[in-house]
């Protein structure tokens, strides 16, 4: 059983929901990420989504785009992201870490770190670093069977997005290769956009669960404890990203981790209430 599956199983046994914060690796300071990750766990995070900076993100709104641009300007790429996970793992061997990003950094990493044994350099190195899952926004499920199998052989989960526009056929395609959890994008648009319609989310989740048997997390538009609590009543996990990025942006370095920890503690308390 993967660390992600074990985490969701333990939460389900106690009737609790997963809190999954997202942060961009290397933001707002190049060296703060491992410390920030530990603070988020202390604040109640069950799984951490670590964004891999990319210059042309298609699903990210202006807040996360800005964070990615700043991280790139500070020299953060896939090599540095994997180093951050290794550093985190020296003190935390249990909290799952999911890399979230786009195909280009993965493909470039494979090209630069070509292996002669036929194995993907990215998958091998990610597993060795302590990564538990990957969410590649622009990898379609119908083309991911081999990638999913290689990830699984290294103990990693492949996570997919579903959206309000997802058809039953698309859900079946995702269900055929997804593991760990699926991430339901609750809004039409990019991260941080629009007001969340909790009623629409509540109506959509039973339809998703007809096809997908792994846990379902919900993200995009969750910005406060009240919304998180409402979503937590119907979803298996609550994902929060843009709000955390906004809160830590422009903070002095010694306040980045405490600010994130305090915010997540509020969300954790709401989810458990």
C-alpha atoms as a PDB file:
ATOM      1  CA  UNK A   1       0.000   0.000   0.000  1.00  0.00           C
ATOM      2  CA  UNK A   2       1.354   3.426  -0.960  1.00  0.00           C
ATOM      3  CA  UNK A   3       1.826   6.170   1.617  1.00  0.00           C
ATOM      4  CA  UNK A   4      -1.095   8.041   0.036  1.00  0.00           C
ATOM      5  CA  UNK A   5      -3.427   5.034   0.246  1.00  0.00           C
ATOM      6  CA  UNK A   6      -2.334   4.363   3.828  1.00  0.00           C
ATOM      7  CA  UNK A   7      -3.012   7.982   4.783  1.00  0.00           C
ATOM      8  CA  UNK A   8      -6.522   7.974   3.341  1.00  0.00           C
ATOM      9  CA  UNK A   9      -7.242   4.586   4.935  1.00  0.00           C
ATOM     10  CA  UNK A  10      -6.190   5.833   8.366  1.00  0.00           C
ATOM     11  CA  UNK A  11      -8.270   8.996   7.995  1.00  0.00           C
ATOM     12  CA  UNK A  12     -11.324   7.042   6.893  1.00  0.00           C
ATOM     13  CA  UNK A  13     -10.999   4.738   9.901  1.00  0.00           C
ATOM     14  CA  UNK A  14     -11.327   7.750  12.199  1.00  0.00           C
ATOM     15  CA  UNK A  15     -13.990   9.565  10.158  1.00  0.00           C
ATOM     16  CA  UNK A  16     -11.680  12.424   9.194  1.00  0.00           C
ATOM     17  CA  UNK A  17     -11.034  14.143   5.875  1.00  0.00           C
ATOM     18  CA  UNK A  18      -7.655  14.827   4.283  1.00  0.00           C
ATOM     19  CA  UNK A  19      -6.253  18.339   4.210  1.00  0.00           C
ATOM     20  CA  UNK A  20      -4.006  18.804   1.165  1.00  0.00           C
ATOM     21  CA  UNK A  21      -2.220  22.152   0.879  1.00  0.00           C
ATOM     22  CA  UNK A  22      -0.430  23.177  -2.301  1.00  0.00           C
ATOM     23  CA  UNK A  23       2.682  25.354  -2.395  1.00  0.00           C
ATOM     24  CA  UNK A  24       5.022  26.200  -5.240  1.00  0.00           C
ATOM     25  CA  UNK A  25       8.489  24.789  -4.646  1.00  0.00           C
ATOM     26  CA  UNK A  26      11.027  27.533  -4.051  1.00  0.00           C
ATOM     27  CA  UNK A  27       8.460  30.235  -3.276  1.00  0.00           C
ATOM     28  CA  UNK A  28       8.689  32.807  -1.832  1.00  0.00           C
ATOM     29  CA  UNK A  29      12.324  32.019  -0.970  1.00  0.00           C
ATOM     30  CA  UNK A  30      14.462  29.439  -2.734  1.00  0.00           C
ATOM     31  CA  UNK A  31      15.490  27.689   0.484  1.00  0.00           C
ATOM     32  CA  UNK A  32      12.284  27.862   2.534  1.00  0.00           C
ATOM     33  CA  UNK A  33      10.304  24.939   1.091  1.00  0.00           C
ATOM     34  CA  UNK A  34      11.340  22.021   3.363  1.00  0.00           C
ATOM     35  CA  UNK A  35      10.772  24.204   6.432  1.00  0.00           C
ATOM     36  CA  UNK A  36       7.413  25.305   5.032  1.00  0.00           C
ATOM     37  CA  UNK A  37       6.412  21.694   4.367  1.00  0.00           C
ATOM     38  CA  UNK A  38       7.149  20.724   7.984  1.00  0.00           C
ATOM     39  CA  UNK A  39       5.116  23.703   9.192  1.00  0.00           C
ATOM     40  CA  UNK A  40       2.147  22.651   7.067  1.00  0.00           C
ATOM     41  CA  UNK A  41       2.276  19.161   8.549  1.00  0.00           C
ATOM     42  CA  UNK A  42       2.360  20.728  12.022  1.00  0.00           C
ATOM     43  CA  UNK A  43      -0.681  22.751  10.989  1.00  0.00           C
ATOM     44  CA  UNK A  44      -2.629  19.617  10.113  1.00  0.00           C
ATOM     45  CA  UNK A  45      -1.727  18.769   6.510  1.00  0.00           C
ATOM     46  CA  UNK A  46      -2.193  15.094   5.605  1.00  0.00           C
ATOM     47  CA  UNK A  47      -0.712  15.232   2.087  1.00  0.00           C
ATOM     48  CA  UNK A  48       1.430  17.976   0.542  1.00  0.00           C
ATOM     49  CA  UNK A  49       1.141  18.979  -3.100  1.00  0.00           C
ATOM     50  CA  UNK A  50       4.404  20.546  -4.213  1.00  0.00           C
ATOM     51  CA  UNK A  51       4.177  22.583  -7.386  1.00  0.00           C
ATOM     52  CA  UNK A  52       6.997  22.223  -9.908  1.00  0.00           C
ATOM     53  CA  UNK A  53       7.615  25.698 -11.413  1.00  0.00           C
ATOM     54  CA  UNK A  54       6.971  25.949 -15.143  1.00  0.00           C
ATOM     55  CA  UNK A  55       7.077  28.931 -17.491  1.00  0.00           C
ATOM     56  CA  UNK A  56       3.835  28.213 -19.382  1.00  0.00           C
ATOM     57  CA  UNK A  57       1.247  26.788 -16.969  1.00  0.00           C
ATOM     58  CA  UNK A  58      -2.173  26.234 -18.532  1.00  0.00           C
ATOM     59  CA  UNK A  59      -4.236  25.597 -15.396  1.00  0.00           C
ATOM     60  CA  UNK A  60      -2.732  28.114 -12.976  1.00  0.00           C
ATOM     61  CA  UNK A  61      -4.263  31.476 -12.215  1.00  0.00           C
ATOM     62  CA  UNK A  62      -2.270  34.690 -11.718  1.00  0.00           C
ATOM     63  CA  UNK A  63      -1.409  33.989  -8.063  1.00  0.00           C
ATOM     64  CA  UNK A  64       0.283  30.643  -8.710  1.00  0.00           C
ATOM     65  CA  UNK A  65       1.726  31.851 -12.024  1.00  0.00           C
ATOM     66  CA  UNK A  66       3.457  34.667 -10.144  1.00  0.00           C
ATOM     67  CA  UNK A  67       4.784  32.207  -7.574  1.00  0.00           C
ATOM     68  CA  UNK A  68       6.108  29.970 -10.319  1.00  0.00           C
ATOM     69  CA  UNK A  69       7.780  32.873 -12.099  1.00  0.00           C
ATOM     70  CA  UNK A  70       9.506  33.948  -8.886  1.00  0.00           C
ATOM     71  CA  UNK A  71      10.691  30.399  -8.184  1.00  0.00           C
ATOM     72  CA  UNK A  72      12.039  30.046 -11.738  1.00  0.00           C
ATOM     73  CA  UNK A  73      13.868  33.361 -11.387  1.00  0.00           C
ATOM     74  CA  UNK A  74      15.527  31.929  -8.285  1.00  0.00           C
ATOM     75  CA  UNK A  75      16.790  28.922 -10.223  1.00  0.00           C
ATOM     76  CA  UNK A  76      14.248  26.333  -9.099  1.00  0.00           C
ATOM     77  CA  UNK A  77      13.749  23.385 -11.458  1.00  0.00           C
ATOM     78  CA  UNK A  78      13.030  19.690 -11.121  1.00  0.00           C
ATOM     79  CA  UNK A  79      16.492  18.907  -9.724  1.00  0.00           C
ATOM     80  CA  UNK A  80      15.991  21.414  -6.922  1.00  0.00           C
ATOM     81  CA  UNK A  81      12.432  20.223  -6.274  1.00  0.00           C
ATOM     82  CA  UNK A  82      13.622  16.642  -5.771  1.00  0.00           C
ATOM     83  CA  UNK A  83      16.357  17.933  -3.439  1.00  0.00           C
ATOM     84  CA  UNK A  84      13.650  19.683  -1.378  1.00  0.00           C
ATOM     85  CA  UNK A  85      11.738  16.436  -1.031  1.00  0.00           C
ATOM     86  CA  UNK A  86      14.926  14.657   0.065  1.00  0.00           C
ATOM     87  CA  UNK A  87      15.528  17.337   2.683  1.00  0.00           C
ATOM     88  CA  UNK A  88      11.928  17.020   3.928  1.00  0.00           C
ATOM     89  CA  UNK A  89      12.295  13.244   4.174  1.00  0.00           C
ATOM     90  CA  UNK A  90      15.241  13.516   6.583  1.00  0.00           C
ATOM     91  CA  UNK A  91      12.723  14.486   9.267  1.00  0.00           C
ATOM     92  CA  UNK A  92       9.384  13.179   7.958  1.00  0.00           C
ATOM     93  CA  UNK A  93       9.087   9.643   6.637  1.00  0.00           C
ATOM     94  CA  UNK A  94       5.285   9.411   6.676  1.00  0.00           C
ATOM     95  CA  UNK A  95       3.562  12.457   5.131  1.00  0.00           C
ATOM     96  CA  UNK A  96       2.845  11.838   1.429  1.00  0.00           C
ATOM     97  CA  UNK A  97       4.280  14.306  -1.064  1.00  0.00           C
ATOM     98  CA  UNK A  98       2.726  14.775  -4.520  1.00  0.00           C
ATOM     99  CA  UNK A  99       4.511  16.674  -7.280  1.00  0.00           C
ATOM    100  CA  UNK A 100       2.060  18.737  -9.301  1.00  0.00           C
ATOM    101  CA  UNK A 101       3.006  20.282 -12.603  1.00  0.00           C
ATOM    102  CA  UNK A 102       3.323  19.871 -16.335  1.00  0.00           C
ATOM    103  CA  UNK A 103       4.820  17.464 -18.842  1.00  0.00           C
ATOM    104  CA  UNK A 104       7.653  19.715 -20.013  1.00  0.00           C
ATOM    105  CA  UNK A 105       9.767  19.644 -16.799  1.00  0.00           C
ATOM    106  CA  UNK A 106       9.330  15.858 -16.583  1.00  0.00           C
ATOM    107  CA  UNK A 107      10.339  15.315 -20.204  1.00  0.00           C
ATOM    108  CA  UNK A 108      13.295  17.684 -19.918  1.00  0.00           C
ATOM    109  CA  UNK A 109      14.481  15.927 -16.776  1.00  0.00           C
ATOM    110  CA  UNK A 110      14.387  12.590 -18.590  1.00  0.00           C
ATOM    111  CA  UNK A 111      16.344  14.042 -21.507  1.00  0.00           C
ATOM    112  CA  UNK A 112      19.019  15.550 -19.273  1.00  0.00           C
ATOM    113  CA  UNK A 113      19.336  12.516 -17.006  1.00  0.00           C
ATOM    114  CA  UNK A 114      19.006   9.789 -19.600  1.00  0.00           C
ATOM    115  CA  UNK A 115      19.341   6.262 -18.195  1.00  0.00           C
ATOM    116  CA  UNK A 116      20.683   3.295 -20.154  1.00  0.00           C
ATOM    117  CA  UNK A 117      18.506   0.669 -18.454  1.00  0.00           C
ATOM    118  CA  UNK A 118      15.274   1.826 -20.064  1.00  0.00           C
ATOM    119  CA  UNK A 119      13.881   3.248 -16.837  1.00  0.00           C
ATOM    120  CA  UNK A 120      12.573   6.796 -16.626  1.00  0.00           C
ATOM    121  CA  UNK A 121      15.095   8.995 -14.826  1.00  0.00           C
ATOM    122  CA  UNK A 122      12.279  11.097 -13.407  1.00  0.00           C
ATOM    123  CA  UNK A 123      10.336   8.173 -11.945  1.00  0.00           C
ATOM    124  CA  UNK A 124      13.446   6.517 -10.535  1.00  0.00           C
ATOM    125  CA  UNK A 125      14.823   9.701  -8.981  1.00  0.00           C
ATOM    126  CA  UNK A 126      11.434  10.861  -7.689  1.00  0.00           C
ATOM    127  CA  UNK A 127      10.926   7.535  -5.926  1.00  0.00           C
ATOM    128  CA  UNK A 128      14.411   7.660  -4.433  1.00  0.00           C
ATOM    129  CA  UNK A 129      13.834  11.230  -3.239  1.00  0.00           C
ATOM    130  CA  UNK A 130      10.691  10.203  -1.376  1.00  0.00           C
ATOM    131  CA  UNK A 131       7.934  11.403  -3.709  1.00  0.00           C
ATOM    132  CA  UNK A 132       4.644   9.484  -3.358  1.00  0.00           C
ATOM    133  CA  UNK A 133       2.617  10.649  -6.329  1.00  0.00           C
ATOM    134  CA  UNK A 134       2.574  12.882  -9.374  1.00  0.00           C
ATOM    135  CA  UNK A 135      -0.143  14.971 -10.971  1.00  0.00           C
ATOM    136  CA  UNK A 136       0.832  16.026 -14.495  1.00  0.00           C
ATOM    137  CA  UNK A 137      -1.864  18.403 -15.710  1.00  0.00           C
ATOM    138  CA  UNK A 138      -1.267  17.836 -19.418  1.00  0.00           C
ATOM    139  CA  UNK A 139      -0.793  14.045 -19.421  1.00  0.00           C
ATOM    140  CA  UNK A 140      -4.113  12.633 -20.717  1.00  0.00           C
ATOM    141  CA  UNK A 141      -5.200   9.350 -19.104  1.00  0.00           C
ATOM    142  CA  UNK A 142      -5.629   7.522 -22.409  1.00  0.00           C
ATOM    143  CA  UNK A 143      -1.878   7.941 -23.055  1.00  0.00           C
ATOM    144  CA  UNK A 144      -0.640   7.176 -19.541  1.00  0.00           C
ATOM    145  CA  UNK A 145      -0.881   3.400 -19.153  1.00  0.00           C
ATOM    146  CA  UNK A 146       2.881   2.817 -19.420  1.00  0.00           C
ATOM    147  CA  UNK A 147       3.710   5.831 -17.237  1.00  0.00           C
ATOM    148  CA  UNK A 148       1.202   4.701 -14.603  1.00  0.00           C
ATOM    149  CA  UNK A 149       2.638   1.189 -14.617  1.00  0.00           C
ATOM    150  CA  UNK A 150       6.188   2.462 -14.173  1.00  0.00           C
ATOM    151  CA  UNK A 151       5.130   4.748 -11.347  1.00  0.00           C
ATOM    152  CA  UNK A 152       3.298   1.900  -9.650  1.00  0.00           C
ATOM    153  CA  UNK A 153       6.358  -0.349  -9.943  1.00  0.00           C
ATOM    154  CA  UNK A 154       8.246   2.273  -7.924  1.00  0.00           C
ATOM    155  CA  UNK A 155       5.455   2.706  -5.360  1.00  0.00           C
ATOM    156  CA  UNK A 156       4.185   6.022  -6.743  1.00  0.00           C
ATOM    157  CA  UNK A 157       0.595   7.009  -7.492  1.00  0.00           C
ATOM    158  CA  UNK A 158      -0.610   8.788 -10.631  1.00  0.00           C
ATOM    159  CA  UNK A 159      -3.230  11.418  -9.827  1.00  0.00           C
ATOM    160  CA  UNK A 160      -5.575  13.055 -12.315  1.00  0.00           C
ATOM    161  CA  UNK A 161      -7.804  16.086 -12.499  1.00  0.00           C
ATOM    162  CA  UNK A 162     -11.530  15.899 -13.160  1.00  0.00           C
ATOM    163  CA  UNK A 163     -13.655  18.955 -13.909  1.00  0.00           C
ATOM    164  CA  UNK A 164     -17.317  20.017 -14.050  1.00  0.00           C
ATOM    165  CA  UNK A 165     -17.131  19.378 -17.803  1.00  0.00           C
ATOM    166  CA  UNK A 166     -15.744  15.826 -17.492  1.00  0.00           C
ATOM    167  CA  UNK A 167     -17.857  13.258 -19.327  1.00  0.00           C
ATOM    168  CA  UNK A 168     -18.614   9.763 -18.072  1.00  0.00           C
ATOM    169  CA  UNK A 169     -16.188   8.460 -20.699  1.00  0.00           C
ATOM    170  CA  UNK A 170     -13.406  10.694 -19.365  1.00  0.00           C
ATOM    171  CA  UNK A 171     -14.111   9.561 -15.812  1.00  0.00           C
ATOM    172  CA  UNK A 172     -13.828   5.935 -16.931  1.00  0.00           C
ATOM    173  CA  UNK A 173     -10.511   6.677 -18.649  1.00  0.00           C
ATOM    174  CA  UNK A 174      -9.202   8.293 -15.464  1.00  0.00           C
ATOM    175  CA  UNK A 175     -10.493   5.446 -13.318  1.00  0.00           C
ATOM    176  CA  UNK A 176      -8.554   2.941 -15.443  1.00  0.00           C
ATOM    177  CA  UNK A 177      -5.149   4.423 -14.527  1.00  0.00           C
ATOM    178  CA  UNK A 178      -5.591   6.701 -11.492  1.00  0.00           C
ATOM    179  CA  UNK A 179      -4.397   5.735  -8.033  1.00  0.00           C
ATOM    180  CA  UNK A 180      -3.970   7.516  -4.721  1.00  0.00           C
ATOM    181  CA  UNK A 181      -6.790   9.999  -5.241  1.00  0.00           C
ATOM    182  CA  UNK A 182      -8.361  12.114  -7.947  1.00  0.00           C
ATOM    183  CA  UNK A 183      -8.510  15.871  -7.784  1.00  0.00           C
ATOM    184  CA  UNK A 184     -11.889  17.373  -8.711  1.00  0.00           C
ATOM    185  CA  UNK A 185     -11.478  20.912 -10.032  1.00  0.00           C
ATOM    186  CA  UNK A 186     -14.628  22.507  -8.665  1.00  0.00           C
ATOM    187  CA  UNK A 187     -14.624  25.507 -11.022  1.00  0.00           C
ATOM    188  CA  UNK A 188     -14.454  26.101 -14.753  1.00  0.00           C
ATOM    189  CA  UNK A 189     -11.269  28.106 -15.134  1.00  0.00           C
ATOM    190  CA  UNK A 190      -7.852  28.404 -13.567  1.00  0.00           C
ATOM    191  CA  UNK A 191      -6.691  28.189  -9.967  1.00  0.00           C
ATOM    192  CA  UNK A 192      -7.958  30.926  -7.685  1.00  0.00           C
ATOM    193  CA  UNK A 193     -10.816  31.941  -9.986  1.00  0.00           C
ATOM    194  CA  UNK A 194     -14.493  32.388  -9.262  1.00  0.00           C
ATOM    195  CA  UNK A 195     -16.745  31.677  -6.318  1.00  0.00           C
ATOM    196  CA  UNK A 196     -17.201  28.077  -5.281  1.00  0.00           C
ATOM    197  CA  UNK A 197     -20.677  26.585  -5.795  1.00  0.00           C
ATOM    198  CA  UNK A 198     -20.758  24.013  -3.011  1.00  0.00           C
ATOM    199  CA  UNK A 199     -24.130  22.700  -4.148  1.00  0.00           C
ATOM    200  CA  UNK A 200     -22.741  21.885  -7.590  1.00  0.00           C
ATOM    201  CA  UNK A 201     -19.804  20.084  -5.999  1.00  0.00           C
ATOM    202  CA  UNK A 202     -22.122  18.061  -3.789  1.00  0.00           C
ATOM    203  CA  UNK A 203     -24.171  17.046  -6.834  1.00  0.00           C
ATOM    204  CA  UNK A 204     -21.117  16.077  -8.885  1.00  0.00           C
ATOM    205  CA  UNK A 205     -19.302  13.818  -6.425  1.00  0.00           C
ATOM    206  CA  UNK A 206     -21.753  10.862  -6.520  1.00  0.00           C
ATOM    207  CA  UNK A 207     -21.423  10.840 -10.312  1.00  0.00           C
ATOM    208  CA  UNK A 208     -17.634  10.760 -10.050  1.00  0.00           C
ATOM    209  CA  UNK A 209     -17.777   7.958  -7.499  1.00  0.00           C
ATOM    210  CA  UNK A 210     -19.834   5.811  -9.870  1.00  0.00           C
ATOM    211  CA  UNK A 211     -16.660   5.477 -11.933  1.00  0.00           C
ATOM    212  CA  UNK A 212     -13.721   6.311  -9.663  1.00  0.00           C
ATOM    213  CA  UNK A 213     -13.047   4.101  -6.654  1.00  0.00           C
ATOM    214  CA  UNK A 214     -10.110   6.031  -5.180  1.00  0.00           C
ATOM    215  CA  UNK A 215     -10.725   8.981  -2.803  1.00  0.00           C
ATOM    216  CA  UNK A 216     -11.893  12.259  -4.309  1.00  0.00           C
ATOM    217  CA  UNK A 217     -10.306  15.552  -3.293  1.00  0.00           C
ATOM    218  CA  UNK A 218     -11.824  18.911  -4.186  1.00  0.00           C
ATOM    219  CA  UNK A 219      -9.873  22.079  -4.916  1.00  0.00           C
ATOM    220  CA  UNK A 220      -9.966  25.446  -6.740  1.00  0.00           C
ATOM    221  CA  UNK A 221     -11.908  28.160  -4.892  1.00  0.00           C
ATOM    222  CA  UNK A 222     -11.497  26.934  -1.292  1.00  0.00           C
ATOM    223  CA  UNK A 223     -10.202  29.929   0.607  1.00  0.00           C
ATOM    224  CA  UNK A 224     -11.500  29.773   4.171  1.00  0.00           C
ATOM    225  CA  UNK A 225     -12.466  27.459   7.013  1.00  0.00           C
ATOM    226  CA  UNK A 226     -16.220  27.643   6.393  1.00  0.00           C
ATOM    227  CA  UNK A 227     -15.944  26.566   2.750  1.00  0.00           C
ATOM    228  CA  UNK A 228     -13.439  23.862   3.641  1.00  0.00           C
ATOM    229  CA  UNK A 229     -15.813  22.458   6.259  1.00  0.00           C
ATOM    230  CA  UNK A 230     -18.705  22.409   3.778  1.00  0.00           C
ATOM    231  CA  UNK A 231     -16.637  20.652   1.093  1.00  0.00           C
ATOM    232  CA  UNK A 232     -15.233  18.258   3.688  1.00  0.00           C
ATOM    233  CA  UNK A 233     -18.728  17.012   4.406  1.00  0.00           C
ATOM    234  CA  UNK A 234     -18.994  15.551   0.893  1.00  0.00           C
ATOM    235  CA  UNK A 235     -15.410  15.073  -0.341  1.00  0.00           C
ATOM    236  CA  UNK A 236     -12.626  12.827   0.926  1.00  0.00           C
ATOM    237  CA  UNK A 237     -10.085  15.659   0.831  1.00  0.00           C
ATOM    238  CA  UNK A 238      -9.888  19.440   0.633  1.00  0.00           C
ATOM    239  CA  UNK A 239      -7.136  20.984  -1.489  1.00  0.00           C
ATOM    240  CA  UNK A 240      -6.040  24.589  -0.873  1.00  0.00           C
ATOM    241  CA  UNK A 241      -3.404  26.391  -2.921  1.00  0.00           C
ATOM    242  CA  UNK A 242      -3.883  29.972  -4.084  1.00  0.00           C
ATOM    243  CA  UNK A 243      -4.895  31.269  -0.656  1.00  0.00           C
ATOM    244  CA  UNK A 244      -1.724  29.877   0.931  1.00  0.00           C
ATOM    245  CA  UNK A 245       0.410  31.414  -1.813  1.00  0.00           C
ATOM    246  CA  UNK A 246      -1.265  34.783  -1.201  1.00  0.00           C
ATOM    247  CA  UNK A 247      -0.718  34.557   2.546  1.00  0.00           C
ATOM    248  CA  UNK A 248       2.999  33.781   2.351  1.00  0.00           C
ATOM    249  CA  UNK A 249       3.754  36.175  -0.492  1.00  0.00           C
ATOM    250  CA  UNK A 250       5.696  39.233   0.716  1.00  0.00           C
ATOM    251  CA  UNK A 251       6.176  37.743   4.188  1.00  0.00           C
ATOM    252  CA  UNK A 252       9.627  38.061   5.716  1.00  0.00           C
ATOM    253  CA  UNK A 253      11.387  34.725   5.554  1.00  0.00           C
ATOM    254  CA  UNK A 254      10.995  33.935   9.255  1.00  0.00           C
ATOM    255  CA  UNK A 255       7.204  34.358   9.006  1.00  0.00           C
ATOM    256  CA  UNK A 256       6.509  32.199   5.949  1.00  0.00           C
ATOM    257  CA  UNK A 257       6.232  28.889   7.822  1.00  0.00           C
ATOM    258  CA  UNK A 258       4.358  30.252  10.875  1.00  0.00           C
ATOM    259  CA  UNK A 259       1.785  32.060   8.702  1.00  0.00           C
ATOM    260  CA  UNK A 260       1.061  28.912   6.682  1.00  0.00           C
ATOM    261  CA  UNK A 261       0.897  26.762   9.815  1.00  0.00           C
ATOM    262  CA  UNK A 262      -1.581  29.107  11.528  1.00  0.00           C
ATOM    263  CA  UNK A 263      -3.873  29.214   8.490  1.00  0.00           C
ATOM    264  CA  UNK A 264      -3.877  25.437   8.049  1.00  0.00           C
ATOM    265  CA  UNK A 265      -4.560  24.912  11.748  1.00  0.00           C
ATOM    266  CA  UNK A 266      -7.766  26.928  11.282  1.00  0.00           C
ATOM    267  CA  UNK A 267      -8.749  24.775   8.298  1.00  0.00           C
ATOM    268  CA  UNK A 268      -7.889  21.555  10.147  1.00  0.00           C
ATOM    269  CA  UNK A 269     -10.015  22.593  13.124  1.00  0.00           C
ATOM    270  CA  UNK A 270     -12.938  23.361  10.802  1.00  0.00           C
ATOM    271  CA  UNK A 271     -12.612  20.028   8.996  1.00  0.00           C
ATOM    272  CA  UNK A 272     -12.558  18.107  12.278  1.00  0.00           C
ATOM    273  CA  UNK A 273     -15.470  19.988  13.838  1.00  0.00           C
END
